[in-house]
PDB file of N, CA and C in Angstrom:
ATOM      1  N   MET A   1     101.897  38.897   2.243  1.00  0.00           N
ATOM      2  CA  MET A   1     102.217  38.988   3.666  1.00  0.00           C
ATOM      3  C   MET A   1     101.768  40.338   4.193  1.00  0.00           C
ATOM      4  N   LYS A   2     101.235  40.346   5.404  1.00  0.00           N
ATOM      5  CA  LYS A   2     100.828  41.583   6.062  1.00  0.00           C
ATOM      6  C   LYS A   2     101.484  41.612   7.440  1.00  0.00           C
ATOM      7  N   THR A   3     101.938  42.794   7.845  1.00  0.00           N
ATOM      8  CA  THR A   3     102.539  42.972   9.166  1.00  0.00           C
ATOM      9  C   THR A   3     101.660  43.884  10.000  1.00  0.00           C
ATOM     10  N   VAL A   4     101.336  43.439  11.216  1.00  0.00           N
ATOM     11  CA  VAL A   4     100.559  44.243  12.161  1.00  0.00           C
ATOM     12  C   VAL A   4     101.277  44.223  13.501  1.00  0.00           C
ATOM     13  N   GLN A   5     100.971  45.192  14.344  1.00  0.00           N
ATOM     14  CA  GLN A   5     101.545  45.203  15.688  1.00  0.00           C
ATOM     15  C   GLN A   5     100.523  44.653  16.667  1.00  0.00           C
ATOM     16  N   ILE A   6     101.006  43.795  17.565  1.00  0.00           N
ATOM     17  CA  ILE A   6     100.125  43.203  18.570  1.00  0.00           C
ATOM     18  C   ILE A   6     100.716  43.408  19.958  1.00  0.00           C
ATOM     19  N   SER A   7      99.852  43.223  20.946  1.00  0.00           N
ATOM     20  CA  SER A   7     100.266  43.295  22.347  1.00  0.00           C
ATOM     21  C   SER A   7      99.890  41.984  23.029  1.00  0.00           C
ATOM     22  N   LEU A   8     100.877  41.341  23.641  1.00  0.00           N
ATOM     23  CA  LEU A   8     100.662  40.097  24.392  1.00  0.00           C
ATOM     24  C   LEU A   8     101.242  40.297  25.787  1.00  0.00           C
ATOM     25  N   ASN A   9     100.575  41.128  26.586  1.00  0.00           N
ATOM     26  CA  ASN A   9     101.161  41.551  27.862  1.00  0.00           C
ATOM     27  C   ASN A   9     100.703  40.727  29.063  1.00  0.00           C
ATOM     28  N   SER A  10     100.103  39.552  28.837  1.00  0.00           N
ATOM     29  CA  SER A  10      99.766  38.670  29.959  1.00  0.00           C
ATOM     30  C   SER A  10      99.824  37.212  29.500  1.00  0.00           C
ATOM     31  N   ILE A  11      99.958  36.319  30.445  1.00  0.00           N
ATOM     32  CA  ILE A  11     100.031  34.893  30.130  1.00  0.00           C
ATOM     33  C   ILE A  11      98.741  34.426  29.468  1.00  0.00           C
ATOM     34  N   ASP A  12      97.603  34.885  29.970  1.00  0.00           N
ATOM     35  CA  ASP A  12      96.316  34.487  29.390  1.00  0.00           C
ATOM     36  C   ASP A  12      96.189  34.955  27.940  1.00  0.00           C
ATOM     37  N   LYS A  13      96.685  36.173  27.648  1.00  0.00           N
ATOM     38  CA  LYS A  13      96.633  36.677  26.277  1.00  0.00           C
ATOM     39  C   LYS A  13      97.502  35.834  25.350  1.00  0.00           C
ATOM     40  N   VAL A  14      98.657  35.411  25.820  1.00  0.00           N
ATOM     41  CA  VAL A  14      99.541  34.582  25.002  1.00  0.00           C
ATOM     42  C   VAL A  14      98.845  33.256  24.689  1.00  0.00           C
ATOM     43  N   LYS A  15      98.253  32.620  25.704  1.00  0.00           N
ATOM     44  CA  LYS A  15      97.578  31.339  25.498  1.00  0.00           C
ATOM     45  C   LYS A  15      96.425  31.472  24.514  1.00  0.00           C
ATOM     46  N   SER A  16      95.591  32.475  24.698  1.00  0.00           N
ATOM     47  CA  SER A  16      94.435  32.619  23.808  1.00  0.00           C
ATOM     48  C   SER A  16      94.876  33.003  22.393  1.00  0.00           C
ATOM     49  N   PHE A  17      95.935  33.817  22.271  1.00  0.00           N
ATOM     50  CA  PHE A  17      96.470  34.188  20.958  1.00  0.00           C
ATOM     51  C   PHE A  17      96.925  32.940  20.196  1.00  0.00           C
ATOM     52  N   VAL A  18      97.687  32.078  20.856  1.00  0.00           N
ATOM     53  CA  VAL A  18      98.173  30.860  20.208  1.00  0.00           C
ATOM     54  C   VAL A  18      96.998  29.959  19.828  1.00  0.00           C
ATOM     55  N   ASN A  19      95.986  29.875  20.688  1.00  0.00           N
ATOM     56  CA  ASN A  19      94.800  29.071  20.365  1.00  0.00           C
ATOM     57  C   ASN A  19      94.093  29.593  19.117  1.00  0.00           C
ATOM     58  N   VAL A  20      94.035  30.912  18.965  1.00  0.00           N
ATOM     59  CA  VAL A  20      93.377  31.500  17.792  1.00  0.00           C
ATOM     60  C   VAL A  20      94.157  31.190  16.522  1.00  0.00           C
ATOM     61  N   ILE A  21      95.464  31.428  16.523  1.00  0.00           N
ATOM     62  CA  ILE A  21      96.207  31.289  15.263  1.00  0.00           C
ATOM     63  C   ILE A  21      96.480  29.838  14.876  1.00  0.00           C
ATOM     64  N   THR A  22      96.442  28.908  15.837  1.00  0.00           N
ATOM     65  CA  THR A  22      96.654  27.510  15.458  1.00  0.00           C
ATOM     66  C   THR A  22      95.468  26.951  14.676  1.00  0.00           C
ATOM     67  N   LYS A  23      94.363  27.657  14.645  1.00  0.00           N
ATOM     68  CA  LYS A  23      93.208  27.228  13.847  1.00  0.00           C
ATOM     69  C   LYS A  23      93.450  27.436  12.353  1.00  0.00           C
ATOM     70  N   TYR A  24      94.467  28.217  12.012  1.00  0.00           N
ATOM     71  CA  TYR A  24      94.758  28.530  10.612  1.00  0.00           C
ATOM     72  C   TYR A  24      96.000  27.772  10.149  1.00  0.00           C
ATOM     73  N   ASP A  25      95.988  27.371   8.874  1.00  0.00           N
ATOM     74  CA  ASP A  25      97.132  26.649   8.311  1.00  0.00           C
ATOM     75  C   ASP A  25      98.243  27.588   7.858  1.00  0.00           C
ATOM     76  N   ASN A  26      98.000  28.878   7.919  1.00  0.00           N
ATOM     77  CA  ASN A  26      98.979  29.870   7.463  1.00  0.00           C
ATOM     78  C   ASN A  26     100.170  29.922   8.418  1.00  0.00           C
ATOM     79  N   ASP A  27     101.257  30.534   7.928  1.00  0.00           N
ATOM     80  CA  ASP A  27     102.436  30.758   8.760  1.00  0.00           C
ATOM     81  C   ASP A  27     102.344  32.135   9.403  1.00  0.00           C
ATOM     82  N   PHE A  28     102.739  32.204  10.665  1.00  0.00           N
ATOM     83  CA  PHE A  28     102.752  33.455  11.417  1.00  0.00           C
ATOM     84  C   PHE A  28     104.117  33.588  12.081  1.00  0.00           C
ATOM     85  N   ASP A  29     104.754  34.750  11.927  1.00  0.00           N
ATOM     86  CA  ASP A  29     106.042  35.015  12.573  1.00  0.00           C
ATOM     87  C   ASP A  29     105.908  36.221  13.487  1.00  0.00           C
ATOM     88  N   LEU A  30     106.509  36.126  14.658  1.00  0.00           N
ATOM     89  CA  LEU A  30     106.597  37.277  15.559  1.00  0.00           C
ATOM     90  C   LEU A  30     108.009  37.830  15.460  1.00  0.00           C
ATOM     91  N   VAL A  31     108.108  39.154  15.298  1.00  0.00           N
ATOM     92  CA  VAL A  31     109.400  39.812  15.139  1.00  0.00           C
ATOM     93  C   VAL A  31     109.577  40.826  16.263  1.00  0.00           C
ATOM     94  N   SER A  32     110.618  40.632  17.035  1.00  0.00           N
ATOM     95  CA  SER A  32     110.941  41.547  18.126  1.00  0.00           C
ATOM     96  C   SER A  32     112.435  41.828  18.053  1.00  0.00           C
ATOM     97  N   GLY A  33     112.786  43.033  17.607  1.00  0.00           N
ATOM     98  CA  GLY A  33     114.201  43.353  17.414  1.00  0.00           C
ATOM     99  C   GLY A  33     114.783  42.478  16.335  1.00  0.00           C
ATOM    100  N   ARG A  34     115.829  41.728  16.660  1.00  0.00           N
ATOM    101  CA  ARG A  34     116.448  40.849  15.659  1.00  0.00           C
ATOM    102  C   ARG A  34     115.970  39.408  15.779  1.00  0.00           C
ATOM    103  N   TYR A  35     115.009  39.163  16.659  1.00  0.00           N
ATOM    104  CA  TYR A  35     114.487  37.811  16.850  1.00  0.00           C
ATOM    105  C   TYR A  35     113.228  37.598  16.022  1.00  0.00           C
ATOM    106  N   VAL A  36     113.178  36.469  15.337  1.00  0.00           N
ATOM    107  CA  VAL A  36     111.985  36.058  14.594  1.00  0.00           C
ATOM    108  C   VAL A  36     111.623  34.663  15.076  1.00  0.00           C
ATOM    109  N   ILE A  37     110.396  34.511  15.594  1.00  0.00           N
ATOM    110  CA  ILE A  37     109.989  33.203  16.106  1.00  0.00           C
ATOM    111  C   ILE A  37     108.641  32.817  15.508  1.00  0.00           C
ATOM    112  N   ASP A  38     108.364  31.527  15.535  1.00  0.00           N
ATOM    113  CA  ASP A  38     107.086  31.004  15.082  1.00  0.00           C
ATOM    114  C   ASP A  38     106.014  31.430  16.084  1.00  0.00           C
ATOM    115  N   ALA A  39     104.990  32.125  15.603  1.00  0.00           N
ATOM    116  CA  ALA A  39     103.962  32.652  16.511  1.00  0.00           C
ATOM    117  C   ALA A  39     103.095  31.552  17.111  1.00  0.00           C
ATOM    118  N   LYS A  40     103.181  30.339  16.594  1.00  0.00           N
ATOM    119  CA  LYS A  40     102.394  29.234  17.148  1.00  0.00           C
ATOM    120  C   LYS A  40     103.133  28.527  18.290  1.00  0.00           C
ATOM    121  N   SER A  41     104.326  29.011  18.625  1.00  0.00           N
ATOM    122  CA  SER A  41     105.139  28.408  19.680  1.00  0.00           C
ATOM    123  C   SER A  41     105.012  29.211  20.976  1.00  0.00           C
ATOM    124  N   ILE A  42     104.334  28.635  21.953  1.00  0.00           N
ATOM    125  CA  ILE A  42     104.162  29.331  23.241  1.00  0.00           C
ATOM    126  C   ILE A  42     105.526  29.577  23.898  1.00  0.00           C
ATOM    127  N   MET A  43     106.403  28.581  23.863  1.00  0.00           N
ATOM    128  CA  MET A  43     107.726  28.752  24.473  1.00  0.00           C
ATOM    129  C   MET A  43     108.514  29.853  23.759  1.00  0.00           C
ATOM    130  N   GLY A  44     108.393  29.910  22.453  1.00  0.00           N
ATOM    131  CA  GLY A  44     109.072  30.959  21.698  1.00  0.00           C
ATOM    132  C   GLY A  44     108.571  32.336  22.069  1.00  0.00           C
ATOM    133  N   ILE A  45     107.258  32.466  22.217  1.00  0.00           N
ATOM    134  CA  ILE A  45     106.671  33.761  22.576  1.00  0.00           C
ATOM    135  C   ILE A  45     107.178  34.223  23.937  1.00  0.00           C
ATOM    136  N   PHE A  46     107.274  33.304  24.888  1.00  0.00           N
ATOM    137  CA  PHE A  46     107.736  33.689  26.226  1.00  0.00           C
ATOM    138  C   PHE A  46     109.221  34.054  26.252  1.00  0.00           C
ATOM    139  N   SER A  47     109.953  33.777  25.173  1.00  0.00           N
ATOM    140  CA  SER A  47     111.356  34.182  25.123  1.00  0.00           C
ATOM    141  C   SER A  47     111.500  35.642  24.676  1.00  0.00           C
ATOM    142  N   LEU A  48     110.389  36.269  24.258  1.00  0.00           N
ATOM    143  CA  LEU A  48     110.416  37.661  23.800  1.00  0.00           C
ATOM    144  C   LEU A  48     110.109  38.617  24.950  1.00  0.00           C
ATOM    145  N   ASP A  49     110.424  39.883  24.741  1.00  0.00           N
ATOM    146  CA  ASP A  49     110.063  40.935  25.694  1.00  0.00           C
ATOM    147  C   ASP A  49     108.603  41.306  25.441  1.00  0.00           C
ATOM    148  N   LEU A  50     107.709  40.805  26.286  1.00  0.00           N
ATOM    149  CA  LEU A  50     106.275  40.993  26.071  1.00  0.00           C
ATOM    150  C   LEU A  50     105.756  42.331  26.587  1.00  0.00           C
ATOM    151  N   SER A  51     106.641  43.136  27.160  1.00  0.00           N
ATOM    152  CA  SER A  51     106.196  44.440  27.658  1.00  0.00           C
ATOM    153  C   SER A  51     106.085  45.463  26.528  1.00  0.00           C
ATOM    154  N   LYS A  52     106.635  45.130  25.362  1.00  0.00           N
ATOM    155  CA  LYS A  52     106.612  46.043  24.209  1.00  0.00           C
ATOM    156  C   LYS A  52     105.728  45.458  23.114  1.00  0.00           C
ATOM    157  N   PRO A  53     105.242  46.318  22.207  1.00  0.00           N
ATOM    158  CA  PRO A  53     104.493  45.788  21.056  1.00  0.00           C
ATOM    159  C   PRO A  53     105.389  44.893  20.201  1.00  0.00           C
ATOM    160  N   ILE A  54     104.779  43.893  19.586  1.00  0.00           N
ATOM    161  CA  ILE A  54     105.503  42.917  18.772  1.00  0.00           C
ATOM    162  C   ILE A  54     104.908  42.952  17.364  1.00  0.00           C
ATOM    163  N   ASP A  55     105.768  42.859  16.354  1.00  0.00           N
ATOM    164  CA  ASP A  55     105.292  42.784  14.970  1.00  0.00           C
ATOM    165  C   ASP A  55     104.886  41.352  14.658  1.00  0.00           C
ATOM    166  N   LEU A  56     103.710  41.201  14.068  1.00  0.00           N
ATOM    167  CA  LEU A  56     103.222  39.896  13.628  1.00  0.00           C
ATOM    168  C   LEU A  56     103.174  39.890  12.113  1.00  0.00           C
ATOM    169  N   ASN A  57     103.943  39.007  11.489  1.00  0.00           N
ATOM    170  CA  ASN A  57     103.905  38.827  10.037  1.00  0.00           C
ATOM    171  C   ASN A  57     102.927  37.705   9.729  1.00  0.00           C
ATOM    172  N   ILE A  58     101.900  38.025   8.972  1.00  0.00           N
ATOM    173  CA  ILE A  58     100.882  37.043   8.602  1.00  0.00           C
ATOM    174  C   ILE A  58     101.120  36.665   7.145  1.00  0.00           C
ATOM    175  N   HIS A  59     101.430  35.410   6.899  1.00  0.00           N
ATOM    176  CA  HIS A  59     101.687  34.932   5.542  1.00  0.00           C
ATOM    177  C   HIS A  59     100.393  34.334   4.992  1.00  0.00           C
ATOM    178  N   ALA A  60      99.500  35.213   4.529  1.00  0.00           N
ATOM    179  CA  ALA A  60      98.198  34.768   4.021  1.00  0.00           C
ATOM    180  C   ALA A  60      97.766  35.684   2.897  1.00  0.00           C
ATOM    181  N   ASP A  61      97.012  35.132   1.981  1.00  0.00           N
ATOM    182  CA  ASP A  61      96.469  35.923   0.886  1.00  0.00           C
ATOM    183  C   ASP A  61      94.942  35.857   0.857  1.00  0.00           C
ATOM    184  N   ASN A  62      94.422  34.639   0.911  1.00  0.00           N
ATOM    185  CA  ASN A  62      92.993  34.474   0.674  1.00  0.00           C
ATOM    186  C   ASN A  62      92.114  34.731   1.895  1.00  0.00           C
ATOM    187  N   ASN A  63      92.553  34.461   3.095  1.00  0.00           N
ATOM    188  CA  ASN A  63      91.701  34.620   4.275  1.00  0.00           C
ATOM    189  C   ASN A  63      92.229  35.669   5.258  1.00  0.00           C
ATOM    190  N   LEU A  64      92.898  36.682   4.745  1.00  0.00           N
ATOM    191  CA  LEU A  64      93.519  37.698   5.594  1.00  0.00           C
ATOM    192  C   LEU A  64      92.495  38.455   6.430  1.00  0.00           C
ATOM    193  N   ASP A  65      91.377  38.841   5.841  1.00  0.00           N
ATOM    194  CA  ASP A  65      90.347  39.582   6.590  1.00  0.00           C
ATOM    195  C   ASP A  65      89.804  38.757   7.747  1.00  0.00           C
ATOM    196  N   GLU A  66      89.599  37.482   7.511  1.00  0.00           N
ATOM    197  CA  GLU A  66      89.097  36.587   8.563  1.00  0.00           C
ATOM    198  C   GLU A  66      90.102  36.498   9.716  1.00  0.00           C
ATOM    199  N   ILE A  67      91.376  36.388   9.377  1.00  0.00           N
ATOM    200  CA  ILE A  67      92.432  36.295  10.400  1.00  0.00           C
ATOM    201  C   ILE A  67      92.501  37.589  11.202  1.00  0.00           C
ATOM    202  N   LEU A  68      92.473  38.735  10.528  1.00  0.00           N
ATOM    203  CA  LEU A  68      92.551  40.021  11.228  1.00  0.00           C
ATOM    204  C   LEU A  68      91.359  40.223  12.155  1.00  0.00           C
ATOM    205  N   THR A  69      90.189  39.760  11.739  1.00  0.00           N
ATOM    206  CA  THR A  69      89.006  39.852  12.600  1.00  0.00           C
ATOM    207  C   THR A  69      89.198  38.994  13.846  1.00  0.00           C
ATOM    208  N   ALA A  70      89.726  37.786  13.675  1.00  0.00           N
ATOM    209  CA  ALA A  70      89.945  36.879  14.808  1.00  0.00           C
ATOM    210  C   ALA A  70      91.008  37.425  15.774  1.00  0.00           C
ATOM    211  N   LEU A  71      91.950  38.203  15.245  1.00  0.00           N
ATOM    212  CA  LEU A  71      93.046  38.745  16.064  1.00  0.00           C
ATOM    213  C   LEU A  71      92.773  40.139  16.607  1.00  0.00           C
ATOM    214  N   ASP A  72      91.583  40.642  16.414  1.00  0.00           N
ATOM    215  CA  ASP A  72      91.259  42.019  16.775  1.00  0.00           C
ATOM    216  C   ASP A  72      91.584  42.375  18.225  1.00  0.00           C
ATOM    217  N   ALA A  73      91.403  41.447  19.138  1.00  0.00           N
ATOM    218  CA  ALA A  73      91.635  41.712  20.569  1.00  0.00           C
ATOM    219  C   ALA A  73      93.121  41.968  20.878  1.00  0.00           C
ATOM    220  N   TYR A  74      94.010  41.546  19.982  1.00  0.00           N
ATOM    221  CA  TYR A  74      95.455  41.667  20.233  1.00  0.00           C
ATOM    222  C   TYR A  74      96.106  42.789  19.445  1.00  0.00           C
ATOM    223  N   LEU A  75      95.397  43.330  18.449  1.00  0.00           N
ATOM    224  CA  LEU A  75      95.966  44.343  17.573  1.00  0.00           C
ATOM    225  C   LEU A  75      96.121  45.675  18.283  1.00  0.00           C
ATOM    226  N   ILE A  76      97.193  46.371  17.968  1.00  0.00           N
ATOM    227  CA  ILE A  76      97.402  47.736  18.445  1.00  0.00           C
ATOM    228  C   ILE A  76      96.981  48.665  17.316  1.00  0.00           C
ATOM    229  N   LYS A  77      96.014  49.513  17.608  1.00  0.00           N
ATOM    230  CA  LYS A  77      95.457  50.362  16.539  1.00  0.00           C
ATOM    231  C   LYS A  77      95.933  51.779  16.662  1.00  0.00           C
TER     232      LYS A  77
END
């Protein structure tokens, strides 16, 4: 598992983020404070405070580099 910080500060970013990660069979969790939600759930994402960075837990071993490349636009560096 790898944890990265992402920013989803607009509706369009949330939609495109979900479209990117649904292409993968891996599990993705978004962690904001004490809330943990499925990152593939648009409704779940909108229940979070999107004005702050969110931790993304990526449950992947073999294709992690490919996933991180696909998520580059959302990563906080």
